[in-house]
Every structure is written in C-alpha cells, then in structure tokens.
C-alpha cells in the first residue's frame, strides 16, 4: 500500500512536502518524496492519494480505562456488569478510540485481565481497535484507591506476587496506586500516600527485572516524591496535592527531569469545565503547575483518563487543546501524543514516528496540525498496523 499526501510529518515539527509512505503488511517500508515512490505500490498494490492532506503518526492516549464507561458513576456501572458484558462494551470503546485517530492506548487498570483479552482480539484482526498496552490489575493496599479492581496487596511479598501474576498474564506496564484518588469514594484522599517505601521499591524492582515499566498514580506531593525515589517510569496526574493546597517541590521536579521520568497529567477532554468543579482559583493553580513542569523541561505525555467521569473515548484532541492553552507549541504537543508517548510506553522503536521499520500506524487529516491542532479532527483515514479502519475521502481518491 502506498499513501501519498501533501505533507508527511517525519520529525518533530518537520514535514516532508509532497511525500509518500510505503506500507507492507503491518510495517512502514519506506518514506520519501512522492515522485520517488510513485511506482512502488506495484500492479496489485493499493494507492491512497491525499494531495491536500497531512499524514501524521497515529495518536497515542497514554492513560485510559476501557473498563469504565465515562458516565456519572463509572464504578457503579462496572459493578453492575458481568465480565462478558463489560468486554462487549470495551470493544465499542476501543472502536471509538480508533475512529478518533488513536492507534495505541495504555490501559492503566481493568478487571480480570479483560484489556489483555481485548488486545488479543485486536491483534487477530477480529475486533477493530488500537494496540493496548495493558497494566492488568493495579496494585493498591486493602481498601485503597480502585481496590474494587482486585489488586489489594499488603506487604512486600504480596506486592511482588501481584506484579508476577500481572507479568505472567502478559502486561506491558505495572500500575501502582501510590496515592488515593477521587474515583474511590470510600478510600484515602487523593493527597494521601498508600504504600511504604519498601513496598514501592519491591514493586519497581520486580517490574524492572522483567523489563517492564512502572506507572505511578500519584496526586499527593509526598507520593510523587516516594514514586520518584523508587524509580518509577511515569507519574500519572502529578498534581502535587497536599491536605491544604499544592506544593510543587523543585528538588523532586529536578529528579523527575534528570531521571527521564515522563509525566502524564491525564487531562480531561472537558478541562475547560474544571474551574466550575474546583473553583477558579484552584483550577488556575492546577493549570499553572502543569505549565511550570513543562517550562522546567519535564517530559509530558498525552493522556485523557478516558472512562472516568465525563471522560469519553473520543477526547484526546480536545484534551490536547489544554496544552495549547498553556502556551506550548503545536510541535511539542504532537510529540506528546506520538513519539514521546511511545518512548514512555516502551514502544520507542516500534511506534510514534513515521519511519521505516516502525508499525504502520498513520492518521491522515485535512489541514495542517502544526498550524491548527483542530486539523486532527478532520480525519480522512486511520491506519493501524497496516489496516485501513476509517476512510472518508472521495471515491476518486481510491485506486
């Protein structure tokens, strides 16, 4: 299959004008000028021509929960659903993600390995959806945040055992609920830490021995510091909460940057509504913390927390507008949702860029997303692992 387009994003903020991408199977074989690759599709090949459009890497949502429905009470809905019903609903959510241009997600906590089952179906081609990097069952103490997902552990031995069971199931990331969270109404507060230093270190060591990264859910400033000291790979939310406000600790932020720990703020697609829920002053403080981390040089990656309250499965591009609001350049924002996210997910050599040898995950859009991020919603086609899943171009563009 040969895809030609007016622009192909080949690097951070860099376009190849009048370019082409040659795909064979699920991989990119060659990228270059259209004039040089025009005859490479072969007599039996497929030519998709988009002379006025832009090809960018498939988008990556680095923080989703396919087991949640994004409604007013996703936990209650989860409890009411059997595993088979839940899996059926998750298939629809995966399809919705793919239709919005997302070709890879990191699922940071589900029930009974359902996200792993879904990923198997997607890899077989029997279910449309993005590649899923699944955390399986997240670790939390008894009664802790998201305890209802089945990952309650106490003590180093139980922590190691849960990590090993998740690894045996085929997860691509280990998730630790380092602090409490608002989704668990009867659990610790968001700023409260949940694990001892020994338990956290055991979790990280066990995962890293298997070559698997660790994602730390951490709202509280103390929990963030503990996660950094334990050597986690990504920090989710990273809101620097305390019991009476926020406390961004510069020494801890420096460690985050120096250790190359990625930060996923997991911004809601409806971020503009946050002042209504938290108050103008508190929301402004939260926004300022993300801006401060970005300006300091922290590696931010894009995620939406899809599945929790008011976070649907088509909201990555609206969430990216948050970073535009903070003043980040579009080239960096695109990197957050492609190459930087891929690196943080352990897929740096497999996804996130348009280059030979990488998986053929491509998004074709109208307009120029480096000029206007909204162009990412003008979807012409979504290609995941070399398969065309979404198409809305005129018939004459197909050959």
Protein backbone atom coordinates (compact mmCIF):
# COMPACT_ATOMS: atom_id res chain seq x y z
CA UNK A 1 0.00 0.00 0.00
CA UNK A 2 1.31 3.43 -0.97
CA UNK A 3 -0.04 6.53 0.75
CA UNK A 4 0.77 9.87 -0.83
CA UNK A 5 -0.06 13.23 0.69
CA UNK A 6 0.63 16.93 0.55
CA UNK A 7 2.57 16.67 3.83
CA UNK A 8 4.07 13.82 5.83
CA UNK A 9 5.24 14.52 9.40
CA UNK A 10 8.69 12.92 9.53
CA UNK A 11 10.10 14.52 12.67
CA UNK A 12 9.31 16.96 15.44
CA UNK A 13 7.73 19.88 13.61
CA UNK A 14 9.17 18.69 10.31
CA UNK A 15 7.16 17.96 7.18
CA UNK A 16 8.17 16.17 4.01
CA UNK A 17 6.19 18.07 1.38
CA UNK A 18 4.52 16.04 -1.38
CA UNK A 19 5.58 12.88 0.41
CA UNK A 20 4.74 9.20 0.38
CA UNK A 21 4.68 6.28 2.81
CA UNK A 22 5.08 2.71 1.58
CA UNK A 23 3.46 0.06 3.78
CA UNK A 24 3.84 -3.70 3.58
CA UNK A 25 1.88 -5.86 6.00
CA UNK A 26 1.83 -4.05 9.32
CA UNK A 27 5.06 -2.11 8.81
CA UNK A 28 6.35 1.02 7.16
CA UNK A 29 8.85 0.04 4.47
CA UNK A 30 9.91 3.38 3.06
CA UNK A 31 9.24 7.09 3.41
CA UNK A 32 10.21 9.62 0.78
CA UNK A 33 9.15 12.05 -1.94
CA UNK A 34 6.06 11.01 -3.87
CA UNK A 35 7.92 11.25 -7.16
CA UNK A 36 10.46 8.65 -5.99
CA UNK A 37 7.94 6.18 -4.56
CA UNK A 38 5.08 6.65 -7.02
CA UNK A 39 5.59 3.28 -8.73
CA UNK A 40 6.41 1.25 -5.61
CA UNK A 41 2.87 0.04 -4.85
CA UNK A 42 3.05 -2.44 -7.71
CA UNK A 43 0.33 -3.68 -10.02
CA UNK A 44 -1.59 -5.40 -7.20
CA UNK A 45 -0.94 -2.73 -4.59
CA UNK A 46 -3.27 -0.11 -3.16
CA UNK A 47 -2.71 3.58 -3.78
CA UNK A 48 -4.30 6.09 -1.42
CA UNK A 49 -3.74 9.64 -2.64
CA UNK A 50 -4.33 12.69 -0.43
CA UNK A 51 -2.81 15.61 -2.34
CA UNK A 52 -4.11 18.29 0.05
CA UNK A 53 -3.93 16.41 3.35
CA UNK A 54 -1.40 15.62 6.07
CA UNK A 55 -0.11 12.26 7.33
CA UNK A 56 0.91 12.15 10.98
CA UNK A 57 1.73 9.19 13.23
CA UNK A 58 -1.28 7.51 14.81
CA UNK A 59 -2.08 9.21 18.10
CA UNK A 60 -1.33 7.66 21.49
CA UNK A 61 -3.56 8.09 24.54
CA UNK A 62 -1.24 7.15 27.39
CA UNK A 63 -3.91 6.91 30.09
CA UNK A 64 -7.27 5.20 29.57
CA UNK A 65 -9.54 2.79 31.45
CA UNK A 66 -11.50 0.75 28.94
CA UNK A 67 -13.41 -0.95 31.75
CA UNK A 68 -15.07 2.32 32.77
CA UNK A 69 -17.88 3.93 30.77
CA UNK A 70 -17.13 7.64 31.23
CA UNK A 71 -20.56 8.19 32.79
CA UNK A 72 -21.60 9.86 36.02
CA UNK A 73 -20.74 6.82 38.17
CA UNK A 74 -18.38 4.52 36.26
CA UNK A 75 -17.64 2.42 39.34
CA UNK A 76 -21.32 1.58 39.85
CA UNK A 77 -21.66 0.67 36.18
CA UNK A 78 -18.60 -1.56 36.48
CA UNK A 79 -20.08 -3.40 39.46
CA UNK A 80 -23.34 -3.97 37.57
CA UNK A 81 -21.63 -5.51 34.52
CA UNK A 82 -20.59 -9.12 34.07
CA UNK A 83 -17.18 -9.69 32.53
CA UNK A 84 -18.70 -10.67 29.19
CA UNK A 85 -20.94 -7.61 29.11
CA UNK A 86 -18.01 -5.47 30.13
CA UNK A 87 -15.83 -6.91 27.38
CA UNK A 88 -18.56 -6.23 24.85
CA UNK A 89 -18.70 -2.59 25.95
CA UNK A 90 -14.91 -2.34 25.89
CA UNK A 91 -14.93 -3.43 22.24
CA UNK A 92 -17.13 -0.44 21.40
CA UNK A 93 -14.87 1.92 23.33
CA UNK A 94 -11.82 0.59 21.52
CA UNK A 95 -13.53 1.18 18.20
CA UNK A 96 -14.39 4.72 19.25
CA UNK A 97 -10.77 5.41 20.16
CA UNK A 98 -9.58 4.15 16.80
CA UNK A 99 -12.16 6.21 14.95
CA UNK A 100 -10.81 9.33 16.66
CA UNK A 101 -7.28 8.68 15.36
CA UNK A 102 -5.85 6.86 18.39
CA UNK A 103 -3.86 3.79 17.33
CA UNK A 104 -2.21 2.97 20.69
CA UNK A 105 -3.50 3.25 24.25
CA UNK A 106 -2.10 2.43 27.65
CA UNK A 107 -4.86 0.92 29.79
CA UNK A 108 -3.93 1.64 33.39
CA UNK A 109 -6.20 -0.69 35.27
CA UNK A 110 -9.06 -3.02 34.45
CA UNK A 111 -10.77 -6.09 35.89
CA UNK A 112 -9.79 -9.74 35.44
CA UNK A 113 -7.44 -9.10 32.53
CA UNK A 114 -10.19 -8.01 30.14
CA UNK A 115 -7.99 -5.43 28.41
CA UNK A 116 -5.48 -8.19 27.65
CA UNK A 117 -8.25 -10.30 26.12
CA UNK A 118 -9.37 -7.36 24.04
CA UNK A 119 -5.84 -6.67 22.84
CA UNK A 120 -5.58 -10.29 21.67
CA UNK A 121 -8.78 -9.87 19.64
CA UNK A 122 -7.48 -6.64 18.10
CA UNK A 123 -4.14 -8.24 17.19
CA UNK A 124 -6.00 -11.11 15.49
CA UNK A 125 -7.98 -8.60 13.45
CA UNK A 126 -11.34 -9.85 14.71
CA UNK A 127 -12.06 -6.61 16.61
CA UNK A 128 -11.17 -3.09 15.46
CA UNK A 129 -9.22 -1.05 17.95
CA UNK A 130 -5.86 0.43 18.92
CA UNK A 131 -2.91 -1.52 20.24
CA UNK A 132 -3.41 -1.84 24.01
CA UNK A 133 -0.51 -1.66 26.44
CA UNK A 134 -2.27 -3.06 29.49
CA UNK A 135 -1.41 -2.76 33.17
CA UNK A 136 -3.79 -5.55 34.13
CA UNK A 137 -4.71 -5.28 37.81
CA UNK A 138 -3.29 -2.18 39.54
CA UNK A 139 -1.64 -2.57 42.94
CA UNK A 140 -3.34 -0.86 45.87
CA UNK A 141 -3.46 -1.53 49.62
CA UNK A 142 -6.56 -3.05 51.27
CA UNK A 143 -9.40 -0.57 50.81
CA UNK A 144 -7.14 1.64 48.71
CA UNK A 145 -7.80 3.53 45.52
CA UNK A 146 -9.53 1.28 42.95
CA UNK A 147 -9.49 -1.68 45.35
CA UNK A 148 -12.60 -2.95 43.53
CA UNK A 149 -10.42 -3.92 40.57
CA UNK A 150 -8.97 -6.76 42.62
CA UNK A 151 -5.39 -5.64 43.27
CA UNK A 152 -5.37 -5.29 47.06
CA UNK A 153 -1.95 -6.14 48.50
CA UNK A 154 -0.23 -5.71 51.85
CA UNK A 155 3.47 -6.14 52.44
CA UNK A 156 6.41 -6.74 50.14
CA UNK A 157 5.62 -10.40 49.45
CA UNK A 158 2.07 -9.71 48.27
CA UNK A 159 3.25 -6.77 46.15
CA UNK A 160 5.81 -8.94 44.39
CA UNK A 161 3.25 -11.72 43.89
CA UNK A 162 0.75 -9.37 42.22
CA UNK A 163 3.43 -8.00 39.90
CA UNK A 164 4.46 -11.52 38.93
CA UNK A 165 0.86 -12.53 38.22
CA UNK A 166 0.36 -9.47 36.04
CA UNK A 167 3.59 -10.20 34.18
CA UNK A 168 2.57 -13.81 33.65
CA UNK A 169 -0.65 -12.53 32.10
CA UNK A 170 1.27 -10.52 29.53
CA UNK A 171 1.01 -6.93 30.74
CA UNK A 172 3.17 -4.20 29.20
CA UNK A 173 3.23 -1.93 32.27
CA UNK A 174 2.78 -2.26 36.02
CA UNK A 175 0.47 0.23 37.72
CA UNK A 176 0.83 1.31 41.35
CA UNK A 177 -1.79 3.41 43.11
CA UNK A 178 0.75 5.38 45.09
CA UNK A 179 -1.85 7.80 46.47
CA UNK A 180 -5.60 7.91 46.87
CA UNK A 181 -7.98 9.18 44.21
CA UNK A 182 -11.39 10.74 43.83
CA UNK A 183 -12.90 7.80 41.96
CA UNK A 184 -12.81 5.68 45.14
CA UNK A 185 -15.32 7.39 47.39
CA UNK A 186 -14.53 5.30 50.48
CA UNK A 187 -10.75 5.29 50.03
CA UNK A 188 -7.85 7.50 51.07
CA UNK A 189 -7.84 11.12 49.97
CA UNK A 190 -6.04 11.99 46.76
CA UNK A 191 -3.06 13.53 48.56
CA UNK A 192 -2.59 10.62 50.97
CA UNK A 193 0.16 8.07 50.32
CA UNK A 194 -0.73 4.38 50.26
CA UNK A 195 2.49 2.33 50.22
CA UNK A 196 5.63 2.09 52.30
CA UNK A 197 8.96 2.84 50.66
CA UNK A 198 9.83 -0.87 50.87
CA UNK A 199 6.63 -1.93 49.12
CA UNK A 200 7.10 0.60 46.33
CA UNK A 201 10.71 -0.39 45.82
CA UNK A 202 9.77 -4.07 45.64
CA UNK A 203 7.13 -3.33 43.01
CA UNK A 204 9.52 -1.33 40.86
CA UNK A 205 12.34 -3.85 41.20
CA UNK A 206 10.10 -6.77 40.28
CA UNK A 207 8.79 -4.99 37.18
CA UNK A 208 12.18 -3.73 36.04
CA UNK A 209 13.76 -7.16 36.40
CA UNK A 210 11.27 -8.25 33.74
CA UNK A 211 11.99 -5.18 31.59
CA UNK A 212 8.52 -3.72 32.16
CA UNK A 213 7.97 -0.04 33.08
CA UNK A 214 6.05 1.20 36.10
CA UNK A 215 3.31 3.83 36.07
CA UNK A 216 2.58 5.53 39.39
CA UNK A 217 -0.81 7.10 40.07
CA UNK A 218 0.30 9.97 42.31
CA UNK A 219 -1.63 13.11 43.20
CA UNK A 220 -0.02 13.87 46.55
CA UNK A 221 3.31 15.66 46.76
CA UNK A 222 4.60 13.06 49.25
CA UNK A 223 3.51 10.22 46.98
CA UNK A 224 5.17 11.83 43.97
CA UNK A 225 8.44 12.11 45.89
CA UNK A 226 8.20 8.47 47.01
CA UNK A 227 7.49 7.28 43.47
CA UNK A 228 10.49 9.19 42.13
CA UNK A 229 12.77 7.75 44.82
CA UNK A 230 11.55 4.25 43.94
CA UNK A 231 12.48 4.77 40.29
CA UNK A 232 9.12 4.63 38.51
CA UNK A 233 8.98 5.36 34.79
CA UNK A 234 5.90 7.57 34.56
CA UNK A 235 3.88 9.60 37.03
CA UNK A 236 0.16 9.86 36.35
CA UNK A 237 -1.69 13.07 37.29
CA UNK A 238 1.24 14.56 39.24
CA UNK A 239 -0.90 17.29 40.77
CA UNK A 240 1.36 17.94 43.80
CA UNK A 241 -1.57 17.96 46.22
CA UNK A 242 -1.31 18.43 49.96
CA UNK A 243 -4.03 18.45 52.59
CA UNK A 244 -4.42 22.21 52.22
CA UNK A 245 -3.35 23.01 48.65
CA UNK A 246 -0.43 22.27 46.33
CA UNK A 247 3.31 22.02 46.82
CA UNK A 248 5.47 21.60 43.73
CA UNK A 249 8.83 20.59 45.18
CA UNK A 250 11.63 21.85 42.99
CA UNK A 251 14.10 19.22 44.21
CA UNK A 252 11.67 16.43 43.27
CA UNK A 253 10.89 18.05 39.91
CA UNK A 254 14.62 18.17 39.18
CA UNK A 255 14.86 14.44 39.88
CA UNK A 256 11.92 13.79 37.55
CA UNK A 257 13.70 15.64 34.78
CA UNK A 258 17.16 14.21 35.47
CA UNK A 259 15.84 10.63 35.69
CA UNK A 260 13.82 11.00 32.49
CA UNK A 261 10.54 10.18 34.23
CA UNK A 262 7.59 11.05 32.00
CA UNK A 263 4.62 12.91 33.44
CA UNK A 264 1.10 12.18 32.19
CA UNK A 265 -1.23 14.86 33.59
CA UNK A 266 -4.21 12.82 32.24
CA UNK A 267 -6.11 15.95 31.29
CA UNK A 268 -9.86 15.58 30.85
CA UNK A 269 -11.28 16.32 27.40
CA UNK A 270 -13.54 18.73 29.31
CA UNK A 271 -10.71 20.57 31.02
CA UNK A 272 -12.43 23.90 30.39
CA UNK A 273 -15.09 22.86 32.91
CA UNK A 274 -12.59 22.37 35.75
CA UNK A 275 -13.00 25.90 37.14
CA UNK A 276 -16.69 25.12 37.62
CA UNK A 277 -15.91 21.98 39.65
CA UNK A 278 -12.81 23.10 41.58
CA UNK A 279 -13.30 26.87 41.61
CA UNK A 280 -11.46 29.45 39.51
CA UNK A 281 -8.53 29.88 41.89
CA UNK A 282 -7.86 26.18 42.46
CA UNK A 283 -8.19 25.34 38.75
CA UNK A 284 -5.81 28.16 37.84
CA UNK A 285 -3.29 26.79 40.35
CA UNK A 286 -3.57 23.31 38.82
CA UNK A 287 -3.07 24.69 35.31
CA UNK A 288 -0.05 26.69 36.47
CA UNK A 289 1.61 23.57 37.92
CA UNK A 290 1.48 21.80 34.56
CA UNK A 291 2.86 24.88 32.83
CA UNK A 292 5.68 25.09 35.37
CA UNK A 293 6.63 21.44 34.82
CA UNK A 294 6.58 21.94 31.05
CA UNK A 295 8.71 25.07 31.19
CA UNK A 296 11.20 23.37 33.51
CA UNK A 297 11.75 20.67 30.89
CA UNK A 298 9.72 17.76 32.24
CA UNK A 299 8.74 15.24 29.56
CA UNK A 300 4.97 15.47 29.35
CA UNK A 301 2.92 12.84 27.54
CA UNK A 302 -0.72 12.96 26.50
CA UNK A 303 -3.49 11.02 28.19
CA UNK A 304 -7.15 11.62 28.98
CA UNK A 305 -8.11 9.19 31.79
CA UNK A 306 -10.83 8.05 29.38
CA UNK A 307 -13.51 6.11 31.21
CA UNK A 308 -13.65 8.13 34.42
CA UNK A 309 -16.40 10.70 34.97
CA UNK A 310 -17.02 12.94 31.96
CA UNK A 311 -14.07 11.48 30.02
CA UNK A 312 -15.22 9.72 26.87
CA UNK A 313 -13.18 7.74 24.37
CA UNK A 314 -13.00 10.35 21.63
CA UNK A 315 -11.48 13.19 23.62
CA UNK A 316 -7.72 13.11 23.03
CA UNK A 317 -7.65 16.03 20.59
CA UNK A 318 -9.87 18.25 22.80
CA UNK A 319 -7.55 17.38 25.71
CA UNK A 320 -4.51 18.42 23.67
CA UNK A 321 -6.04 21.89 23.39
CA UNK A 322 -5.28 22.28 27.12
CA UNK A 323 -1.57 22.37 26.37
CA UNK A 324 -2.15 24.88 23.59
CA UNK A 325 -3.97 26.98 26.20
CA UNK A 326 -0.85 26.80 28.37
CA UNK A 327 1.24 28.16 25.51
CA UNK A 328 3.08 25.02 24.37
CA UNK A 329 3.92 24.94 20.65
CA UNK A 330 1.91 22.57 18.48
CA UNK A 331 5.04 20.63 17.51
CA UNK A 332 5.68 19.72 21.15
CA UNK A 333 2.03 18.87 21.75
CA UNK A 334 2.06 16.49 18.76
CA UNK A 335 5.23 14.89 20.14
CA UNK A 336 3.46 14.38 23.47
CA UNK A 337 0.78 12.34 21.68
CA UNK A 338 3.16 10.44 19.41
CA UNK A 339 6.92 9.98 19.74
CA UNK A 340 7.27 10.99 23.41
CA UNK A 341 4.31 8.87 24.48
CA UNK A 342 5.69 5.90 22.53
CA UNK A 343 9.00 6.20 24.34
CA UNK A 344 7.33 6.35 27.74
CA UNK A 345 5.27 3.25 26.91
CA UNK A 346 8.36 1.27 25.93
CA UNK A 347 7.46 1.44 22.23
CA UNK A 348 10.12 3.91 21.13
CA UNK A 349 11.46 1.65 18.41
CA UNK A 350 8.05 0.43 17.32
CA UNK A 351 5.60 3.34 17.14
CA UNK A 352 5.18 7.10 17.42
CA UNK A 353 7.02 8.11 14.26
CA UNK A 354 6.69 7.70 10.51
CA UNK A 355 9.90 5.87 9.66
CA UNK A 356 10.97 2.59 8.03
CA UNK A 357 10.72 -0.42 10.32
CA UNK A 358 8.05 1.02 12.59
CA UNK A 359 4.48 -0.19 12.78
CA UNK A 360 2.22 1.35 10.15
CA UNK A 361 0.07 3.46 12.48
CA UNK A 362 -0.95 6.51 10.49
CA UNK A 363 -3.54 9.26 10.70
CA UNK A 364 -4.49 11.24 7.60
CA UNK A 365 -6.14 14.57 8.32
CA UNK A 366 -7.26 17.65 6.46
CA UNK A 367 -5.39 20.85 7.17
CA UNK A 368 -2.09 21.39 8.96
CA UNK A 369 -1.99 20.33 12.66
CA UNK A 370 1.25 22.22 13.23
CA UNK A 371 -0.72 25.35 12.42
CA UNK A 372 -4.08 24.27 13.92
CA UNK A 373 -4.46 21.29 16.27
CA UNK A 374 -8.12 21.15 15.31
CA UNK A 375 -6.99 19.67 11.99
CA UNK A 376 -6.52 16.39 13.88
CA UNK A 377 -10.30 16.08 13.99
CA UNK A 378 -10.62 16.40 10.21
CA UNK A 379 -10.00 12.69 9.81
CA UNK A 380 -9.72 11.26 6.31
CA UNK A 381 -8.34 7.83 7.24
CA UNK A 382 -6.95 5.89 10.19
CA UNK A 383 -4.46 3.13 9.51
CA UNK A 384 -3.49 0.81 12.38
CA UNK A 385 -0.94 -1.96 11.91
CA UNK A 386 -1.27 -1.50 8.15
CA UNK A 387 -5.06 -1.91 8.10
CA UNK A 388 -7.32 0.92 6.95
CA UNK A 389 -10.07 1.31 9.54
CA UNK A 390 -11.58 4.70 8.87
CA UNK A 391 -12.00 6.35 5.50
CA UNK A 392 -13.90 9.43 4.44
CA UNK A 393 -12.26 10.53 1.23
CA UNK A 394 -13.93 10.89 -2.18
CA UNK A 395 -14.14 7.74 -4.27
CA UNK A 396 -11.89 9.12 -6.95
CA UNK A 397 -9.00 9.20 -4.45
CA UNK A 398 -9.02 5.39 -4.29
CA UNK A 399 -7.18 3.35 -6.88
